[in-house]
Amino acid sequence: MIDNLSIALTHGLLLIAVWRLIHRPDLDQEDPPEPDVRPTGFHIKRPINRNRPDA
């Protein structure tokens, strides 16, 4: 009996938490990210160093 009560209680509390999270008005609204001042990553065009010996 205690096991069923504890499982029902915890699942009920989880259901209430999920229900409240789903119905938040700001859940699907995000501000767009700010552009990078200096881009980073693989798409950066770097100058080719022609004086570097091949290793």
PDB file of N, CA and C in Angstrom:
ATOM      1  N   MET A   1       0.831  -1.195   0.000  1.00  0.00           N
ATOM      2  CA  MET A   1       0.000   0.000   0.000  1.00  0.00           C
ATOM      3  C   MET A   1       0.871   1.253   0.000  1.00  0.00           C
ATOM      4  N   ILE A   2       1.904   1.278   0.836  1.00  0.00           N
ATOM      5  CA  ILE A   2       2.786   2.435   0.927  1.00  0.00           C
ATOM      6  C   ILE A   2       3.540   2.619  -0.390  1.00  0.00           C
ATOM      7  N   ASP A   3       3.962   1.508  -1.019  1.00  0.00           N
ATOM      8  CA  ASP A   3       4.675   1.595  -2.285  1.00  0.00           C
ATOM      9  C   ASP A   3       3.809   2.235  -3.364  1.00  0.00           C
ATOM     10  N   ASN A   4       2.572   1.821  -3.460  1.00  0.00           N
ATOM     11  CA  ASN A   4       1.664   2.391  -4.467  1.00  0.00           C
ATOM     12  C   ASN A   4       1.395   3.868  -4.186  1.00  0.00           C
ATOM     13  N   LEU A   5       1.278   4.221  -2.939  1.00  0.00           N
ATOM     14  CA  LEU A   5       1.038   5.617  -2.576  1.00  0.00           C
ATOM     15  C   LEU A   5       2.246   6.485  -2.932  1.00  0.00           C
ATOM     16  N   SER A   6       3.439   6.004  -2.631  1.00  0.00           N
ATOM     17  CA  SER A   6       4.633   6.801  -2.923  1.00  0.00           C
ATOM     18  C   SER A   6       4.845   6.932  -4.433  1.00  0.00           C
ATOM     19  N   ILE A   7       4.586   5.886  -5.187  1.00  0.00           N
ATOM     20  CA  ILE A   7       4.718   5.971  -6.643  1.00  0.00           C
ATOM     21  C   ILE A   7       3.664   6.918  -7.217  1.00  0.00           C
ATOM     22  N   ALA A   8       2.446   6.828  -6.756  1.00  0.00           N
ATOM     23  CA  ALA A   8       1.380   7.714  -7.240  1.00  0.00           C
ATOM     24  C   ALA A   8       1.673   9.172  -6.875  1.00  0.00           C
ATOM     25  N   LEU A   9       2.180   9.403  -5.684  1.00  0.00           N
ATOM     26  CA  LEU A   9       2.490  10.764  -5.256  1.00  0.00           C
ATOM     27  C   LEU A   9       3.603  11.371  -6.099  1.00  0.00           C
ATOM     28  N   THR A  10       4.692  10.628  -6.302  1.00  0.00           N
ATOM     29  CA  THR A  10       5.808  11.175  -7.068  1.00  0.00           C
ATOM     30  C   THR A  10       5.434  11.378  -8.529  1.00  0.00           C
ATOM     31  N   HIS A  11       4.705  10.442  -9.117  1.00  0.00           N
ATOM     32  CA  HIS A  11       4.279  10.610 -10.504  1.00  0.00           C
ATOM     33  C   HIS A  11       3.282  11.756 -10.644  1.00  0.00           C
ATOM     34  N   GLY A  12       2.449  11.924  -9.656  1.00  0.00           N
ATOM     35  CA  GLY A  12       1.502  13.046  -9.687  1.00  0.00           C
ATOM     36  C   GLY A  12       2.221  14.381  -9.622  1.00  0.00           C
ATOM     37  N   LEU A  13       3.241  14.475  -8.776  1.00  0.00           N
ATOM     38  CA  LEU A  13       4.007  15.718  -8.687  1.00  0.00           C
ATOM     39  C   LEU A  13       4.777  15.990  -9.976  1.00  0.00           C
ATOM     40  N   LEU A  14       5.328  14.947 -10.580  1.00  0.00           N
ATOM     41  CA  LEU A  14       5.997  15.117 -11.876  1.00  0.00           C
ATOM     42  C   LEU A  14       5.014  15.565 -12.951  1.00  0.00           C
ATOM     43  N   LEU A  15       3.823  15.022 -12.947  1.00  0.00           N
ATOM     44  CA  LEU A  15       2.796  15.419 -13.911  1.00  0.00           C
ATOM     45  C   LEU A  15       2.417  16.884 -13.738  1.00  0.00           C
ATOM     46  N   ILE A  16       2.285  17.331 -12.519  1.00  0.00           N
ATOM     47  CA  ILE A  16       1.971  18.743 -12.259  1.00  0.00           C
ATOM     48  C   ILE A  16       3.108  19.638 -12.737  1.00  0.00           C
ATOM     49  N   ALA A  17       4.351  19.240 -12.497  1.00  0.00           N
ATOM     50  CA  ALA A  17       5.493  20.044 -12.931  1.00  0.00           C
ATOM     51  C   ALA A  17       5.557  20.132 -14.451  1.00  0.00           C
ATOM     52  N   VAL A  18       5.359  19.019 -15.132  1.00  0.00           N
ATOM     53  CA  VAL A  18       5.379  19.024 -16.601  1.00  0.00           C
ATOM     54  C   VAL A  18       4.225  19.848 -17.140  1.00  0.00           C
ATOM     55  N   TRP A  19       3.064  19.729 -16.564  1.00  0.00           N
ATOM     56  CA  TRP A  19       1.886  20.493 -16.999  1.00  0.00           C
ATOM     57  C   TRP A  19       2.147  21.999 -16.885  1.00  0.00           C
ATOM     58  N   ARG A  20       2.742  22.411 -15.783  1.00  0.00           N
ATOM     59  CA  ARG A  20       3.036  23.837 -15.601  1.00  0.00           C
ATOM     60  C   ARG A  20       4.110  24.314 -16.567  1.00  0.00           C
ATOM     61  N   LEU A  21       5.109  23.472 -16.860  1.00  0.00           N
ATOM     62  CA  LEU A  21       6.152  23.860 -17.800  1.00  0.00           C
ATOM     63  C   LEU A  21       5.619  23.965 -19.228  1.00  0.00           C
ATOM     64  N   ILE A  22       4.745  23.055 -19.607  1.00  0.00           N
ATOM     65  CA  ILE A  22       4.211  23.062 -20.969  1.00  0.00           C
ATOM     66  C   ILE A  22       3.380  24.317 -21.214  1.00  0.00           C
ATOM     67  N   HIS A  23       2.672  24.779 -20.247  1.00  0.00           N
ATOM     68  CA  HIS A  23       1.755  25.903 -20.432  1.00  0.00           C
ATOM     69  C   HIS A  23       2.374  27.266 -20.132  1.00  0.00           C
ATOM     70  N   ARG A  24       3.702  27.328 -20.053  1.00  0.00           N
ATOM     71  CA  ARG A  24       4.353  28.629 -19.881  1.00  0.00           C
ATOM     72  C   ARG A  24       4.309  29.397 -21.193  1.00  0.00           C
ATOM     73  N   PRO A  25       3.982  30.686 -21.163  1.00  0.00           N
ATOM     74  CA  PRO A  25       3.901  31.440 -22.425  1.00  0.00           C
ATOM     75  C   PRO A  25       5.263  31.713 -23.045  1.00  0.00           C
ATOM     76  N   ASP A  26       6.322  31.747 -22.257  1.00  0.00           N
ATOM     77  CA  ASP A  26       7.642  32.075 -22.796  1.00  0.00           C
ATOM     78  C   ASP A  26       8.449  30.835 -23.178  1.00  0.00           C
ATOM     79  N   LEU A  27       7.818  29.668 -23.236  1.00  0.00           N
ATOM     80  CA  LEU A  27       8.538  28.439 -23.503  1.00  0.00           C
ATOM     81  C   LEU A  27       9.081  28.395 -24.930  1.00  0.00           C
ATOM     82  N   ASP A  28       8.311  28.873 -25.910  1.00  0.00           N
ATOM     83  CA  ASP A  28       8.717  28.791 -27.307  1.00  0.00           C
ATOM     84  C   ASP A  28       9.256  30.098 -27.854  1.00  0.00           C
ATOM     85  N   GLN A  29       9.538  31.069 -27.031  1.00  0.00           N
ATOM     86  CA  GLN A  29      10.025  32.356 -27.512  1.00  0.00           C
ATOM     87  C   GLN A  29      11.447  32.562 -27.033  1.00  0.00           C
ATOM     88  N   GLU A  30      12.339  32.794 -27.999  1.00  0.00           N
ATOM     89  CA  GLU A  30      13.735  33.063 -27.678  1.00  0.00           C
ATOM     90  C   GLU A  30      14.184  34.304 -28.412  1.00  0.00           C
ATOM     91  N   ASP A  31      15.093  35.024 -27.807  1.00  0.00           N
ATOM     92  CA  ASP A  31      15.713  36.134 -28.503  1.00  0.00           C
ATOM     93  C   ASP A  31      16.756  35.568 -29.454  1.00  0.00           C
ATOM     94  N   PRO A  32      16.901  36.183 -30.636  1.00  0.00           N
ATOM     95  CA  PRO A  32      17.928  35.670 -31.557  1.00  0.00           C
ATOM     96  C   PRO A  32      19.321  35.907 -30.986  1.00  0.00           C
ATOM     97  N   PRO A  33      20.250  35.032 -31.308  1.00  0.00           N
ATOM     98  CA  PRO A  33      21.604  35.201 -30.769  1.00  0.00           C
ATOM     99  C   PRO A  33      22.292  36.407 -31.400  1.00  0.00           C
ATOM    100  N   GLU A  34      23.161  37.041 -30.621  1.00  0.00           N
ATOM    101  CA  GLU A  34      23.905  38.180 -31.135  1.00  0.00           C
ATOM    102  C   GLU A  34      25.017  37.680 -32.055  1.00  0.00           C
ATOM    103  N   PRO A  35      25.260  38.376 -33.156  1.00  0.00           N
ATOM    104  CA  PRO A  35      26.326  37.920 -34.055  1.00  0.00           C
ATOM    105  C   PRO A  35      27.696  38.082 -33.413  1.00  0.00           C
ATOM    106  N   ASP A  36      28.610  37.204 -33.792  1.00  0.00           N
ATOM    107  CA  ASP A  36      29.965  37.259 -33.260  1.00  0.00           C
ATOM    108  C   ASP A  36      30.686  38.487 -33.802  1.00  0.00           C
ATOM    109  N   VAL A  37      31.473  39.111 -32.942  1.00  0.00           N
ATOM    110  CA  VAL A  37      32.281  40.245 -33.384  1.00  0.00           C
ATOM    111  C   VAL A  37      33.358  39.741 -34.338  1.00  0.00           C
ATOM    112  N   ARG A  38      33.999  38.666 -33.957  1.00  0.00           N
ATOM    113  CA  ARG A  38      35.010  38.033 -34.793  1.00  0.00           C
ATOM    114  C   ARG A  38      34.595  36.573 -34.968  1.00  0.00           C
ATOM    115  N   PRO A  39      34.318  36.146 -36.186  1.00  0.00           N
ATOM    116  CA  PRO A  39      33.833  34.779 -36.368  1.00  0.00           C
ATOM    117  C   PRO A  39      34.864  33.744 -35.929  1.00  0.00           C
ATOM    118  N   THR A  40      34.361  32.649 -35.426  1.00  0.00           N
ATOM    119  CA  THR A  40      35.226  31.542 -35.018  1.00  0.00           C
ATOM    120  C   THR A  40      34.731  30.276 -35.689  1.00  0.00           C
ATOM    121  N   GLY A  41      35.590  29.304 -35.821  1.00  0.00           N
ATOM    122  CA  GLY A  41      35.188  28.020 -36.373  1.00  0.00           C
ATOM    123  C   GLY A  41      35.929  27.699 -37.651  1.00  0.00           C
ATOM    124  N   PHE A  42      35.422  26.732 -38.392  1.00  0.00           N
ATOM    125  CA  PHE A  42      36.074  26.240 -39.589  1.00  0.00           C
ATOM    126  C   PHE A  42      35.876  27.160 -40.789  1.00  0.00           C
ATOM    127  N   HIS A  43      34.888  28.017 -40.771  1.00  0.00           N
ATOM    128  CA  HIS A  43      34.577  28.837 -41.929  1.00  0.00           C
ATOM    129  C   HIS A  43      35.399  30.123 -42.013  1.00  0.00           C
ATOM    130  N   ILE A  44      36.344  30.332 -41.112  1.00  0.00           N
ATOM    131  CA  ILE A  44      37.156  31.550 -41.125  1.00  0.00           C
ATOM    132  C   ILE A  44      38.143  31.479 -42.284  1.00  0.00           C
ATOM    133  N   LYS A  45      38.244  32.557 -43.020  1.00  0.00           N
ATOM    134  CA  LYS A  45      39.233  32.633 -44.086  1.00  0.00           C
ATOM    135  C   LYS A  45      40.513  33.200 -43.487  1.00  0.00           C
ATOM    136  N   ARG A  46      41.521  32.371 -43.411  1.00  0.00           N
ATOM    137  CA  ARG A  46      42.793  32.789 -42.852  1.00  0.00           C
ATOM    138  C   ARG A  46      43.792  32.976 -43.984  1.00  0.00           C
ATOM    139  N   PRO A  47      44.712  33.901 -43.805  1.00  0.00           N
ATOM    140  CA  PRO A  47      45.724  34.066 -44.852  1.00  0.00           C
ATOM    141  C   PRO A  47      46.624  32.840 -44.927  1.00  0.00           C
ATOM    142  N   ILE A  48      47.017  32.524 -46.148  1.00  0.00           N
ATOM    143  CA  ILE A  48      47.885  31.361 -46.363  1.00  0.00           C
ATOM    144  C   ILE A  48      49.327  31.791 -46.163  1.00  0.00           C
ATOM    145  N   ASN A  49      50.039  31.074 -45.322  1.00  0.00           N
ATOM    146  CA  ASN A  49      51.421  31.365 -45.057  1.00  0.00           C
ATOM    147  C   ASN A  49      52.271  30.565 -46.044  1.00  0.00           C
ATOM    148  N   ARG A  50      52.743  31.202 -47.073  1.00  0.00           N
ATOM    149  CA  ARG A  50      53.512  30.522 -48.121  1.00  0.00           C
ATOM    150  C   ARG A  50      54.948  30.228 -47.691  1.00  0.00           C
ATOM    151  N   ASN A  51      55.442  30.888 -46.653  1.00  0.00           N
ATOM    152  CA  ASN A  51      56.830  30.718 -46.220  1.00  0.00           C
ATOM    153  C   ASN A  51      57.016  29.532 -45.283  1.00  0.00           C
ATOM    154  N   ARG A  52      55.933  28.903 -44.869  1.00  0.00           N
ATOM    155  CA  ARG A  52      56.034  27.791 -43.935  1.00  0.00           C
ATOM    156  C   ARG A  52      56.485  26.519 -44.649  1.00  0.00           C
ATOM    157  N   PRO A  53      57.536  25.885 -44.190  1.00  0.00           N
ATOM    158  CA  PRO A  53      57.987  24.647 -44.843  1.00  0.00           C
ATOM    159  C   PRO A  53      56.990  23.520 -44.558  1.00  0.00           C
ATOM    160  N   ASP A  54      56.830  22.650 -45.498  1.00  0.00           N
ATOM    161  CA  ASP A  54      55.933  21.501 -45.296  1.00  0.00           C
ATOM    162  C   ASP A  54      56.546  20.546 -44.305  1.00  0.00           C
ATOM    163  N   ALA A  55      55.729  20.079 -43.385  1.00  0.00           N
ATOM    164  CA  ALA A  55      56.232  19.199 -42.334  1.00  0.00           C
ATOM    165  C   ALA A  55      55.983  17.752 -42.680  1.00  0.00           C
TER     166      ALA A  55
END
